[in-house]
C-alpha atoms as a PDB file:
ATOM      1  CA  MET A   1       0.123  -0.172   0.020  1.00  0.00           C
ATOM      2  CA  MET A   2       1.039   3.611  -0.574  1.00  0.00           C
ATOM      3  CA  ASN A   3       2.639   5.677   2.213  1.00  0.00           C
ATOM      4  CA  LYS A   4       4.787   8.907   2.488  1.00  0.00           C
ATOM      5  CA  ASP A   5       7.908   7.245   2.297  1.00  0.00           C
ATOM      6  CA  ILE A   6       6.984   6.391  -1.260  1.00  0.00           C
ATOM      7  CA  ILE A   7       6.184   9.964  -2.171  1.00  0.00           C
ATOM      8  CA  ILE A   8       9.481  10.970  -0.781  1.00  0.00           C
ATOM      9  CA  GLY A   9      11.118   8.391  -2.784  1.00  0.00           C
ATOM     10  CA  LEU A  10       9.451   9.665  -6.066  1.00  0.00           C
ATOM     11  CA  GLU A  11      10.610  13.078  -5.323  1.00  0.00           C
ATOM     12  CA  THR A  12      14.209  11.983  -5.042  1.00  0.00           C
ATOM     13  CA  ALA A  13      13.993   9.621  -7.823  1.00  0.00           C
ATOM     14  CA  PHE A  14      12.203  12.056 -10.293  1.00  0.00           C
ATOM     15  CA  GLY A  15      12.231  15.546  -9.110  1.00  0.00           C
ATOM     16  CA  GLU A  16       9.281  17.715  -8.632  1.00  0.00           C
ATOM     17  CA  PHE A  17       5.976  16.962  -9.412  1.00  0.00           C
ATOM     18  CA  LYS A  18       2.307  18.384  -8.761  1.00  0.00           C
ATOM     19  CA  LEU A  19       0.188  15.965  -6.483  1.00  0.00           C
ATOM     20  CA  THR A  20      -3.657  16.864  -5.776  1.00  0.00           C
ATOM     21  CA  ASN A  21      -5.665  15.024  -3.191  1.00  0.00           C
ATOM     22  CA  PRO A  22      -2.561  13.167  -1.629  1.00  0.00           C
ATOM     23  CA  GLU A  23      -4.991  11.509   0.593  1.00  0.00           C
ATOM     24  CA  GLN A  24      -6.480   9.627  -2.210  1.00  0.00           C
ATOM     25  CA  PHE A  25      -2.982   8.924  -3.548  1.00  0.00           C
ATOM     26  CA  LEU A  26      -2.019   7.163  -0.454  1.00  0.00           C
ATOM     27  CA  ASN A  27      -5.248   5.015  -0.512  1.00  0.00           C
ATOM     28  CA  CYS A  28      -4.261   3.278  -3.576  1.00  0.00           C
ATOM     29  CA  ARG A  29      -3.684  -0.580  -2.968  1.00  0.00           C
ATOM     30  CA  ARG A  30      -3.118  -1.554  -6.801  1.00  0.00           C
ATOM     31  CA  THR A  31      -1.864  -0.278 -10.240  1.00  0.00           C
ATOM     32  CA  ALA A  32      -4.070  -1.138 -13.001  1.00  0.00           C
ATOM     33  CA  PHE A  33      -5.355   0.244 -16.283  1.00  0.00           C
ATOM     34  CA  SER A  34      -7.946   3.071 -16.655  1.00  0.00           C
ATOM     35  CA  TRP A  35     -10.852   0.645 -17.154  1.00  0.00           C
ATOM     36  CA  THR A  36     -10.159  -1.344 -14.335  1.00  0.00           C
ATOM     37  CA  LYS A  37     -13.258  -2.694 -12.345  1.00  0.00           C
ATOM     38  CA  LEU A  38     -11.366  -3.154  -9.196  1.00  0.00           C
ATOM     39  CA  PRO A  39     -11.386  -0.627  -6.610  1.00  0.00           C
ATOM     40  CA  THR A  40      -8.531   1.561  -5.107  1.00  0.00           C
ATOM     41  CA  THR A  41      -6.398   1.752  -8.076  1.00  0.00           C
ATOM     42  CA  LEU A  42      -3.673   3.927  -9.501  1.00  0.00           C
ATOM     43  CA  CYS A  43      -3.858   4.157 -13.270  1.00  0.00           C
ATOM     44  CA  LEU A  44      -1.872   6.035 -16.047  1.00  0.00           C
ATOM     45  CA  ALA A  45      -3.352   8.490 -18.399  1.00  0.00           C
ATOM     46  CA  ALA A  46      -0.758   9.219 -21.079  1.00  0.00           C
ATOM     47  CA  ASN A  47      -3.379  10.984 -23.311  1.00  0.00           C
ATOM     48  CA  LYS A  48      -6.675  12.728 -22.940  1.00  0.00           C
ATOM     49  CA  LYS A  49      -8.765   9.765 -23.867  1.00  0.00           C
ATOM     50  CA  TYR A  50      -7.664   7.813 -20.850  1.00  0.00           C
ATOM     51  CA  PHE A  51      -7.836  10.773 -18.640  1.00  0.00           C
ATOM     52  CA  ARG A  52     -11.376  11.150 -19.273  1.00  0.00           C
ATOM     53  CA  GLN A  53     -11.819   7.363 -18.765  1.00  0.00           C
ATOM     54  CA  ALA A  54     -10.259   7.327 -15.506  1.00  0.00           C
ATOM     55  CA  VAL A  55     -12.021  10.386 -14.103  1.00  0.00           C
ATOM     56  CA  LYS A  56     -15.266   8.522 -14.818  1.00  0.00           C
ATOM     57  CA  ASN A  57     -14.354   5.443 -13.490  1.00  0.00           C
ATOM     58  CA  ILE A  58     -15.298   4.942  -9.684  1.00  0.00           C
ATOM     59  CA  ASN A  59     -12.771   2.439  -8.944  1.00  0.00           C
ATOM     60  CA  ILE A  60      -9.732   4.892  -9.855  1.00  0.00           C
ATOM     61  CA  ASN A  61      -8.501   6.759  -6.977  1.00  0.00           C
ATOM     62  CA  ALA A  62      -5.657   8.141  -8.338  1.00  0.00           C
ATOM     63  CA  ILE A  63      -4.169   9.038 -11.902  1.00  0.00           C
ATOM     64  CA  ALA A  64      -0.484   9.560 -13.080  1.00  0.00           C
ATOM     65  CA  ALA A  65      -0.987  11.941 -16.033  1.00  0.00           C
ATOM     66  CA  LEU A  66       1.154  13.903 -18.486  1.00  0.00           C
ATOM     67  CA  PRO A  67       0.323  17.513 -18.462  1.00  0.00           C
ATOM     68  CA  ASP A  68      -1.111  17.824 -21.727  1.00  0.00           C
ATOM     69  CA  ALA A  69      -3.600  14.959 -20.869  1.00  0.00           C
ATOM     70  CA  VAL A  70      -5.303  16.652 -18.004  1.00  0.00           C
ATOM     71  CA  GLN A  71      -8.585  18.287 -18.441  1.00  0.00           C
ATOM     72  CA  GLY A  72     -12.058  19.014 -16.986  1.00  0.00           C
ATOM     73  CA  ASP A  73     -12.999  18.350 -13.204  1.00  0.00           C
ATOM     74  CA  HIS A  74     -11.069  15.770 -11.485  1.00  0.00           C
ATOM     75  CA  ALA A  75     -11.319  16.944  -7.967  1.00  0.00           C
ATOM     76  CA  GLU A  76     -12.537  13.697  -6.467  1.00  0.00           C
ATOM     77  CA  LYS A  77      -9.437  12.004  -7.784  1.00  0.00           C
ATOM     78  CA  ALA A  78      -5.724  12.301  -6.669  1.00  0.00           C
ATOM     79  CA  CYS A  79      -3.728  13.460  -9.787  1.00  0.00           C
ATOM     80  CA  LEU A  80       0.002  13.130 -10.015  1.00  0.00           C
ATOM     81  CA  ILE A  81       1.076  15.410 -12.734  1.00  0.00           C
ATOM     82  CA  SER A  82       4.463  15.349 -14.265  1.00  0.00           C
ATOM     83  CA  ASP A  83       6.103  15.112 -17.899  1.00  0.00           C
ATOM     84  CA  GLN A  84       7.595  11.809 -16.468  1.00  0.00           C
ATOM     85  CA  ALA A  85       4.059  10.443 -15.407  1.00  0.00           C
ATOM     86  CA  ALA A  86       4.644   7.112 -17.438  1.00  0.00           C
ATOM     87  CA  GLU A  87       7.884   6.390 -15.809  1.00  0.00           C
ATOM     88  CA  ILE A  88       6.608   7.273 -12.232  1.00  0.00           C
ATOM     89  CA  PHE A  89       3.441   4.887 -12.971  1.00  0.00           C
ATOM     90  CA  TYR A  90       5.472   1.998 -14.026  1.00  0.00           C
ATOM     91  CA  TYR A  91       8.088   2.562 -11.288  1.00  0.00           C
ATOM     92  CA  LEU A  92       5.235   2.324  -8.814  1.00  0.00           C
ATOM     93  CA  HIS A  93       3.776  -0.635 -10.755  1.00  0.00           C
ATOM     94  CA  ASN A  94       7.001  -2.583 -10.204  1.00  0.00           C
ATOM     95  CA  LEU A  95       7.325  -1.753  -6.534  1.00  0.00           C
ATOM     96  CA  ALA A  96       4.229  -4.027  -6.260  1.00  0.00           C
ATOM     97  CA  ILE A  97       2.260  -1.569  -3.957  1.00  0.00           C
ATOM     98  CA  HIS A  98      -0.307  -4.552  -3.592  1.00  0.00           C
ATOM     99  CA  ALA A  99       2.035  -6.841  -1.993  1.00  0.00           C
ATOM    100  CA  ASP A 100       1.825  -5.924   1.592  1.00  0.00           C
ATOM    101  CA  SER A 101      -2.061  -6.514   1.554  1.00  0.00           C
ATOM    102  CA  ALA A 102      -4.432  -9.393   1.161  1.00  0.00           C
ATOM    103  CA  LEU A 103      -4.265  -8.902  -2.598  1.00  0.00           C
ATOM    104  CA  ALA A 104      -1.231 -10.680  -2.746  1.00  0.00           C
ATOM    105  CA  ASP A 105      -2.376 -13.488  -0.874  1.00  0.00           C
ATOM    106  CA  PRO A 106      -2.059 -16.694  -3.217  1.00  0.00           C
ATOM    107  CA  GLU A 107      -5.144 -19.074  -3.931  1.00  0.00           C
ATOM    108  CA  THR A 108      -4.778 -22.973  -3.917  1.00  0.00           C
ATOM    109  CA  GLY A 109      -5.592 -24.383  -7.326  1.00  0.00           C
ATOM    110  CA  VAL A 110      -7.822 -27.399  -7.747  1.00  0.00           C
ATOM    111  CA  ILE A 111      -7.184 -30.149 -10.416  1.00  0.00           C
ATOM    112  CA  SER A 112     -10.452 -32.188 -10.995  1.00  0.00           C
ATOM    113  CA  ASP A 113     -10.053 -35.840 -10.508  1.00  0.00           C
ATOM    114  CA  SER A 114     -11.442 -36.287 -13.938  1.00  0.00           C
ATOM    115  CA  ALA A 115      -8.512 -34.043 -15.545  1.00  0.00           C
ATOM    116  CA  VAL A 116      -5.740 -35.781 -16.969  1.00  0.00           C
ATOM    117  CA  VAL A 117      -2.017 -34.093 -16.446  1.00  0.00           C
ATOM    118  CA  ALA A 118       1.005 -35.518 -18.296  1.00  0.00           C
ATOM    119  CA  ASP A 119       3.674 -36.598 -15.924  1.00  0.00           C
ATOM    120  CA  SER A 120       6.004 -34.182 -18.071  1.00  0.00           C
ATOM    121  CA  ALA A 121       3.692 -31.307 -17.506  1.00  0.00           C
ATOM    122  CA  ILE A 122       4.744 -28.438 -14.810  1.00  0.00           C
ATOM    123  CA  ILE A 123       1.692 -27.108 -13.137  1.00  0.00           C
ATOM    124  CA  GLY A 124       2.067 -24.229 -10.427  1.00  0.00           C
ATOM    125  CA  PRO A 125       0.278 -24.409  -7.082  1.00  0.00           C
ATOM    126  CA  GLU A 126      -2.259 -21.650  -8.057  1.00  0.00           C
ATOM    127  CA  VAL A 127      -3.714 -23.717 -11.081  1.00  0.00           C
ATOM    128  CA  THR A 128      -7.277 -24.870 -11.095  1.00  0.00           C
ATOM    129  CA  ILE A 129      -8.056 -27.389 -13.999  1.00  0.00           C
ATOM    130  CA  GLY A 130     -11.521 -28.250 -14.556  1.00  0.00           C
ATOM    131  CA  ALA A 131     -13.442 -31.790 -15.287  1.00  0.00           C
ATOM    132  CA  GLY A 132     -12.501 -33.765 -18.186  1.00  0.00           C
ATOM    133  CA  SER A 133      -9.635 -31.352 -19.044  1.00  0.00           C
ATOM    134  CA  GLN A 134      -6.216 -32.490 -20.418  1.00  0.00           C
ATOM    135  CA  VAL A 135      -2.826 -30.975 -20.149  1.00  0.00           C
ATOM    136  CA  LEU A 136      -0.596 -32.967 -22.258  1.00  0.00           C
ATOM    137  CA  ASP A 137       3.279 -33.712 -22.294  1.00  0.00           C
ATOM    138  CA  GLY A 138       5.696 -30.711 -21.622  1.00  0.00           C
ATOM    139  CA  CYS A 139       3.223 -27.954 -20.869  1.00  0.00           C
ATOM    140  CA  ILE A 140       4.108 -25.281 -18.276  1.00  0.00           C
ATOM    141  CA  ILE A 141       1.315 -23.424 -16.312  1.00  0.00           C
ATOM    142  CA  SER A 142       2.062 -20.767 -13.868  1.00  0.00           C
ATOM    143  CA  GLY A 143      -0.611 -19.465 -11.632  1.00  0.00           C
ATOM    144  CA  PRO A 144      -2.809 -17.944 -11.014  1.00  0.00           C
ATOM    145  CA  VAL A 145      -4.536 -19.866 -13.873  1.00  0.00           C
ATOM    146  CA  SER A 146      -8.097 -21.216 -14.126  1.00  0.00           C
ATOM    147  CA  ILE A 147      -8.641 -23.892 -16.962  1.00  0.00           C
ATOM    148  CA  GLY A 148     -12.516 -24.865 -17.400  1.00  0.00           C
ATOM    149  CA  ASP A 149     -14.171 -28.061 -18.154  1.00  0.00           C
ATOM    150  CA  ASN A 150     -13.300 -30.325 -21.301  1.00  0.00           C
ATOM    151  CA  VAL A 151     -10.276 -28.096 -22.341  1.00  0.00           C
ATOM    152  CA  ILE A 152      -7.260 -29.703 -24.257  1.00  0.00           C
ATOM    153  CA  VAL A 153      -3.997 -27.844 -23.572  1.00  0.00           C
ATOM    154  CA  ALA A 154      -1.674 -29.618 -26.019  1.00  0.00           C
ATOM    155  CA  GLU A 155       1.939 -30.401 -26.186  1.00  0.00           C
ATOM    156  CA  GLY A 156       4.345 -27.738 -25.070  1.00  0.00           C
ATOM    157  CA  CYS A 157       2.169 -24.800 -24.206  1.00  0.00           C
ATOM    158  CA  ARG A 158       3.267 -22.167 -21.813  1.00  0.00           C
ATOM    159  CA  ILE A 159       0.200 -20.314 -20.038  1.00  0.00           C
ATOM    160  CA  GLY A 160       0.391 -17.722 -17.449  1.00  0.00           C
ATOM    161  CA  THR A 161       3.839 -16.524 -18.874  1.00  0.00           C
ATOM    162  CA  GLN A 162       5.589 -12.909 -18.232  1.00  0.00           C
ATOM    163  CA  GLY A 163       4.465 -10.991 -21.429  1.00  0.00           C
ATOM    164  CA  PHE A 164       6.867  -8.959 -23.355  1.00  0.00           C
ATOM    165  CA  PHE A 165       6.421  -5.256 -21.962  1.00  0.00           C
ATOM    166  CA  SER A 166       9.254  -3.083 -21.118  1.00  0.00           C
ATOM    167  CA  LYS A 167       9.516   0.624 -20.422  1.00  0.00           C
ATOM    168  CA  ARG A 168      12.493   3.087 -19.832  1.00  0.00           C
ATOM    169  CA  ILE A 169      12.595   4.188 -16.367  1.00  0.00           C
ATOM    170  CA  GLN A 170      15.391   6.421 -15.143  1.00  0.00           C
ATOM    171  CA  GLY A 171      17.286   5.671 -18.353  1.00  0.00           C
ATOM    172  CA  GLN A 172      17.422   1.914 -18.209  1.00  0.00           C
ATOM    173  CA  GLN A 173      15.005  -0.466 -20.215  1.00  0.00           C
ATOM    174  CA  VAL A 174      13.018  -2.235 -17.423  1.00  0.00           C
ATOM    175  CA  HIS A 175      10.687  -5.394 -17.756  1.00  0.00           C
ATOM    176  CA  ILE A 176       7.309  -4.433 -16.361  1.00  0.00           C
ATOM    177  CA  ARG A 177       6.359  -7.187 -14.037  1.00  0.00           C
ATOM    178  CA  HIS A 178       2.904  -9.184 -14.413  1.00  0.00           C
ATOM    179  CA  TYR A 179       1.086  -9.872 -11.299  1.00  0.00           C
ATOM    180  CA  GLY A 180      -2.387 -11.343 -12.667  1.00  0.00           C
ATOM    181  CA  GLY A 181      -3.382 -14.552 -14.156  1.00  0.00           C
ATOM    182  CA  VAL A 182      -4.923 -16.293 -17.009  1.00  0.00           C
ATOM    183  CA  SER A 183      -8.893 -17.537 -17.253  1.00  0.00           C
ATOM    184  CA  ILE A 184      -9.711 -19.981 -19.737  1.00  0.00           C
ATOM    185  CA  GLY A 185     -13.330 -21.165 -20.163  1.00  0.00           C
ATOM    186  CA  ASP A 186     -14.927 -24.489 -21.052  1.00  0.00           C
ATOM    187  CA  ASP A 187     -14.296 -26.581 -24.220  1.00  0.00           C
ATOM    188  CA  CYS A 188     -11.258 -24.645 -25.565  1.00  0.00           C
ATOM    189  CA  TYR A 189      -8.563 -26.296 -27.450  1.00  0.00           C
ATOM    190  CA  ILE A 190      -5.217 -24.549 -27.042  1.00  0.00           C
ATOM    191  CA  HIS A 191      -2.814 -26.291 -29.779  1.00  0.00           C
ATOM    192  CA  ALA A 192       0.790 -27.313 -29.343  1.00  0.00           C
ATOM    193  CA  GLY A 193       3.375 -24.381 -28.610  1.00  0.00           C
ATOM    194  CA  ALA A 194       0.775 -21.744 -27.770  1.00  0.00           C
ATOM    195  CA  ASN A 195       1.780 -18.941 -25.349  1.00  0.00           C
ATOM    196  CA  ILE A 196      -0.730 -17.175 -23.153  1.00  0.00           C
ATOM    197  CA  ALA A 197       0.685 -14.510 -21.170  1.00  0.00           C
ATOM    198  CA  ARG A 198      -0.916 -13.474 -17.722  1.00  0.00           C
ATOM    199  CA  SER A 199      -2.479 -10.075 -16.997  1.00  0.00           C
ATOM    200  CA  ALA A 200       0.093  -7.400 -15.777  1.00  0.00           C
ATOM    201  CA  ASN A 201      -2.471  -6.429 -13.030  1.00  0.00           C
ATOM    202  CA  VAL A 202      -2.998  -8.223  -9.621  1.00  0.00           C
ATOM    203  CA  GLN A 203      -6.406  -9.979  -9.624  1.00  0.00           C
ATOM    204  CA  GLU A 204      -7.113  -9.374 -13.251  1.00  0.00           C
ATOM    205  CA  ASN A 205      -6.780 -11.748 -16.204  1.00  0.00           C
ATOM    206  CA  THR A 206      -5.834 -12.525 -19.723  1.00  0.00           C
ATOM    207  CA  ILE A 207      -9.127 -14.049 -20.721  1.00  0.00           C
ATOM    208  CA  VAL A 208     -10.020 -16.815 -23.202  1.00  0.00           C
ATOM    209  CA  GLU A 209     -13.779 -17.509 -23.142  1.00  0.00           C
ATOM    210  CA  ASP A 210     -15.528 -20.785 -24.009  1.00  0.00           C
ATOM    211  CA  ARG A 211     -15.000 -22.780 -27.004  1.00  0.00           C
ATOM    212  CA  VAL A 212     -12.279 -20.760 -28.362  1.00  0.00           C
ATOM    213  CA  HIS A 213      -9.441 -22.494 -30.131  1.00  0.00           C
ATOM    214  CA  ILE A 214      -6.060 -21.126 -30.457  1.00  0.00           C
ATOM    215  CA  GLY A 215      -3.549 -22.661 -32.951  1.00  0.00           C
ATOM    216  CA  ILE A 216       0.100 -24.097 -32.991  1.00  0.00           C
ATOM    217  CA  SER A 217       2.632 -21.712 -31.864  1.00  0.00           C
ATOM    218  CA  CYS A 218       0.184 -18.543 -31.242  1.00  0.00           C
ATOM    219  CA  LEU A 219       1.157 -15.746 -28.983  1.00  0.00           C
ATOM    220  CA  VAL A 220      -1.658 -14.296 -26.829  1.00  0.00           C
ATOM    221  CA  GLY A 221      -0.285 -11.065 -25.063  1.00  0.00           C
ATOM    222  CA  HIS A 222      -1.175  -9.885 -21.382  1.00  0.00           C
ATOM    223  CA  ASP A 223      -4.792  -8.736 -20.695  1.00  0.00           C
ATOM    224  CA  CYS A 224      -6.148  -9.785 -23.930  1.00  0.00           C
ATOM    225  CA  ILE A 225      -9.607 -10.984 -24.258  1.00  0.00           C
ATOM    226  CA  ILE A 226     -10.511 -13.450 -26.785  1.00  0.00           C
ATOM    227  CA  GLN A 227     -14.219 -14.012 -26.776  1.00  0.00           C
ATOM    228  CA  ALA A 228     -16.366 -17.238 -27.018  1.00  0.00           C
ATOM    229  CA  GLU A 229     -16.318 -19.312 -30.378  1.00  0.00           C
ATOM    230  CA  SER A 230     -13.232 -17.671 -31.870  1.00  0.00           C
ATOM    231  CA  ARG A 231     -10.492 -19.045 -33.700  1.00  0.00           C
ATOM    232  CA  ILE A 232      -7.004 -18.084 -33.935  1.00  0.00           C
ATOM    233  CA  ALA A 233      -5.008 -19.793 -36.312  1.00  0.00           C
ATOM    234  CA  THR A 234      -1.438 -21.006 -36.352  1.00  0.00           C
ATOM    235  CA  GLY A 235       1.348 -18.612 -35.572  1.00  0.00           C
ATOM    236  CA  ALA A 236      -1.012 -15.564 -35.143  1.00  0.00           C
ATOM    237  CA  MET A 237       0.094 -12.974 -32.730  1.00  0.00           C
ATOM    238  CA  ILE A 238      -2.402 -11.114 -30.512  1.00  0.00           C
ATOM    239  CA  CYS A 239      -0.738  -8.207 -28.683  1.00  0.00           C
ATOM    240  CA  GLY A 240      -1.450  -6.967 -25.238  1.00  0.00           C
ATOM    241  CA  ARG A 241      -4.621  -5.591 -24.431  1.00  0.00           C
ATOM    242  CA  ALA A 242      -6.254  -6.439 -27.501  1.00  0.00           C
ATOM    243  CA  LYS A 243     -10.035  -7.591 -27.407  1.00  0.00           C
ATOM    244  CA  ILE A 244     -11.106 -10.173 -30.109  1.00  0.00           C
ATOM    245  CA  GLY A 245     -15.019 -10.215 -30.230  1.00  0.00           C
ATOM    246  CA  ARG A 246     -17.274 -13.397 -30.612  1.00  0.00           C
ATOM    247  CA  ASN A 247     -16.908 -15.904 -33.427  1.00  0.00           C
ATOM    248  CA  VAL A 248     -13.752 -14.136 -35.095  1.00  0.00           C
ATOM    249  CA  TRP A 249     -11.451 -15.648 -37.653  1.00  0.00           C
ATOM    250  CA  VAL A 250      -7.791 -14.821 -37.186  1.00  0.00           C
ATOM    251  CA  GLY A 251      -5.833 -16.501 -39.937  1.00  0.00           C
ATOM    252  CA  ALA A 252      -2.369 -17.907 -39.793  1.00  0.00           C
ATOM    253  CA  SER A 253       0.444 -15.650 -39.121  1.00  0.00           C
ATOM    254  CA  ALA A 254      -1.852 -12.489 -38.707  1.00  0.00           C
ATOM    255  CA  VAL A 255      -0.923  -9.924 -36.230  1.00  0.00           C
ATOM    256  CA  VAL A 256      -3.250  -7.979 -34.212  1.00  0.00           C
ATOM    257  CA  SER A 257      -1.740  -4.903 -32.623  1.00  0.00           C
ATOM    258  CA  ASN A 258      -1.921  -3.967 -28.879  1.00  0.00           C
ATOM    259  CA  ALA A 259      -5.111  -2.426 -27.669  1.00  0.00           C
ATOM    260  CA  LEU A 260      -7.263  -3.020 -30.611  1.00  0.00           C
ATOM    261  CA  LEU A 261     -10.972  -3.975 -30.718  1.00  0.00           C
ATOM    262  CA  VAL A 262     -11.816  -6.671 -33.372  1.00  0.00           C
ATOM    263  CA  GLY A 263     -15.543  -6.726 -33.755  1.00  0.00           C
ATOM    264  CA  GLU A 264     -17.816  -9.685 -33.670  1.00  0.00           C
ATOM    265  CA  SER A 265     -17.725 -12.371 -36.580  1.00  0.00           C
ATOM    266  CA  ALA A 266     -14.954 -10.464 -38.357  1.00  0.00           C
ATOM    267  CA  ASN A 267     -12.412 -12.157 -40.558  1.00  0.00           C
ATOM    268  CA  ILE A 268      -8.784 -11.309 -40.659  1.00  0.00           C
ATOM    269  CA  GLN A 269      -7.082 -13.087 -43.520  1.00  0.00           C
ATOM    270  CA  ILE A 270      -3.729 -15.071 -43.341  1.00  0.00           C
ATOM    271  CA  GLY A 271      -0.661 -12.911 -42.819  1.00  0.00           C
ATOM    272  CA  SER A 272      -2.688  -9.767 -42.274  1.00  0.00           C
ATOM    273  CA  ILE A 273      -1.150  -6.887 -39.958  1.00  0.00           C
ATOM    274  CA  VAL A 274      -4.044  -5.337 -38.140  1.00  0.00           C
ATOM    275  CA  ILE A 275      -3.388  -1.586 -36.712  1.00  0.00           C
ATOM    276  CA  ASP A 276      -6.874  -0.068 -36.579  1.00  0.00           C
ATOM    277  CA  ASN A 277     -10.140  -1.238 -34.739  1.00  0.00           C
ATOM    278  CA  VAL A 278     -12.070  -3.888 -36.989  1.00  0.00           C
ATOM    279  CA  PRO A 279     -15.864  -3.441 -37.209  1.00  0.00           C
ATOM    280  CA  ASP A 280     -18.148  -6.281 -36.550  1.00  0.00           C
ATOM    281  CA  GLY A 281     -18.506  -8.833 -39.604  1.00  0.00           C
ATOM    282  CA  ALA A 282     -15.767  -7.215 -41.451  1.00  0.00           C
ATOM    283  CA  ASN A 283     -13.470  -9.015 -43.652  1.00  0.00           C
ATOM    284  CA  ILE A 284      -9.630  -7.513 -43.903  1.00  0.00           C
ATOM    285  CA  SER A 285      -6.320  -8.634 -45.417  1.00  0.00           C
ATOM    286  CA  GLY A 286      -2.831  -7.193 -46.011  1.00  0.00           C
ATOM    287  CA  ASN A 287      -0.101  -5.482 -44.703  1.00  0.00           C
ATOM    288  CA  PHE A 288      -1.550  -2.897 -43.275  1.00  0.00           C
ATOM    289  CA  ALA A 289      -4.897  -4.722 -43.124  1.00  0.00           C
ATOM    290  CA  THR A 290      -7.902  -2.982 -45.183  1.00  0.00           C
ATOM    291  CA  ALA A 291     -11.041  -4.374 -46.687  1.00  0.00           C
ATOM    292  CA  HIS A 292     -10.465  -7.780 -48.276  1.00  0.00           C
ATOM    293  CA  GLY A 293     -13.111  -7.786 -51.218  1.00  0.00           C
ATOM    294  CA  PRO A 294     -11.465  -4.543 -52.912  1.00  0.00           C
ATOM    295  CA  ARG A 295      -7.767  -5.819 -52.301  1.00  0.00           C
ATOM    296  CA  LEU A 296      -8.703  -9.331 -53.677  1.00  0.00           C
ATOM    297  CA  ARG A 297     -10.296  -7.788 -56.750  1.00  0.00           C
ATOM    298  CA  GLN A 298      -7.250  -5.669 -57.555  1.00  0.00           C
ATOM    299  CA  HIS A 299      -5.108  -8.553 -57.235  1.00  0.00           C
ATOM    300  CA  VAL A 300      -7.331 -10.594 -59.782  1.00  0.00           C
ATOM    301  CA  MET A 301      -7.171  -7.778 -62.081  1.00  0.00           C
ATOM    302  CA  ARG A 302      -3.567  -7.457 -61.854  1.00  0.00           C
ATOM    303  CA  SER A 303      -3.292 -11.259 -62.547  1.00  0.00           C
ATOM    304  CA  ARG A 304      -5.066 -10.781 -65.764  1.00  0.00           C
ATOM    305  CA  GLN A 305      -3.002  -8.030 -67.438  1.00  0.00           C
END
């Protein structure tokens, strides 16, 4: 939990900054994103969009914000305003301000009697595996992870890993620690060699909903949400904080950039590089990905010349 010594340490490390409502700042028990559903949170607002979101979110006690992001009435929140707001936020995140509270208490996992776990699999103590699920040879699952019923986790999968997330803090490239978990619904198939990173935030999860299939050697980044019935084909990469809607197809080796929204029943064709939100039902392709139909017609016309 925050204390006055932490504020003094920030002043020593980063120099002067403006802090409003310091009592709210000291009441923060965790760090998370501006849309968190968990209370007593400190978040980062690197732009005006996230600042507005944080001000409206009743779960946010304090906002670390760049001066250009600050706007409107934020009297009920603590606000740490600095040109180094991002560095300060990630510095505090890596301090694990939740660690001296009940938030850090581990939960004991439960493996169903009907689940099958290969002898060569490595299963952490905070892993729950549901009825009829199978964890095959060479898997490593590091909790907190919850796996539903009738899930197959195929050979060599890694679930609950530290995701690729680094920032420069005080001139050094620093890994941003991941404190959360992974939640996998029922009737999923996680194919061989897939890697699903844990959430960056304590008591939050990277989420894979029911009946999702994730292909061979796919990468799913921290804090992603993959909704029910979606299929992520071989070698695809879903970068951190992206949300994949229900019944989406992501083709082999496609990349969905971080924090994007892919709408329900969209199709992302093989090898696409997605850098913008994708509407419901869209069919896109290419590098960078755009509407697939016109692109395909252009290709056909060129091939006939």
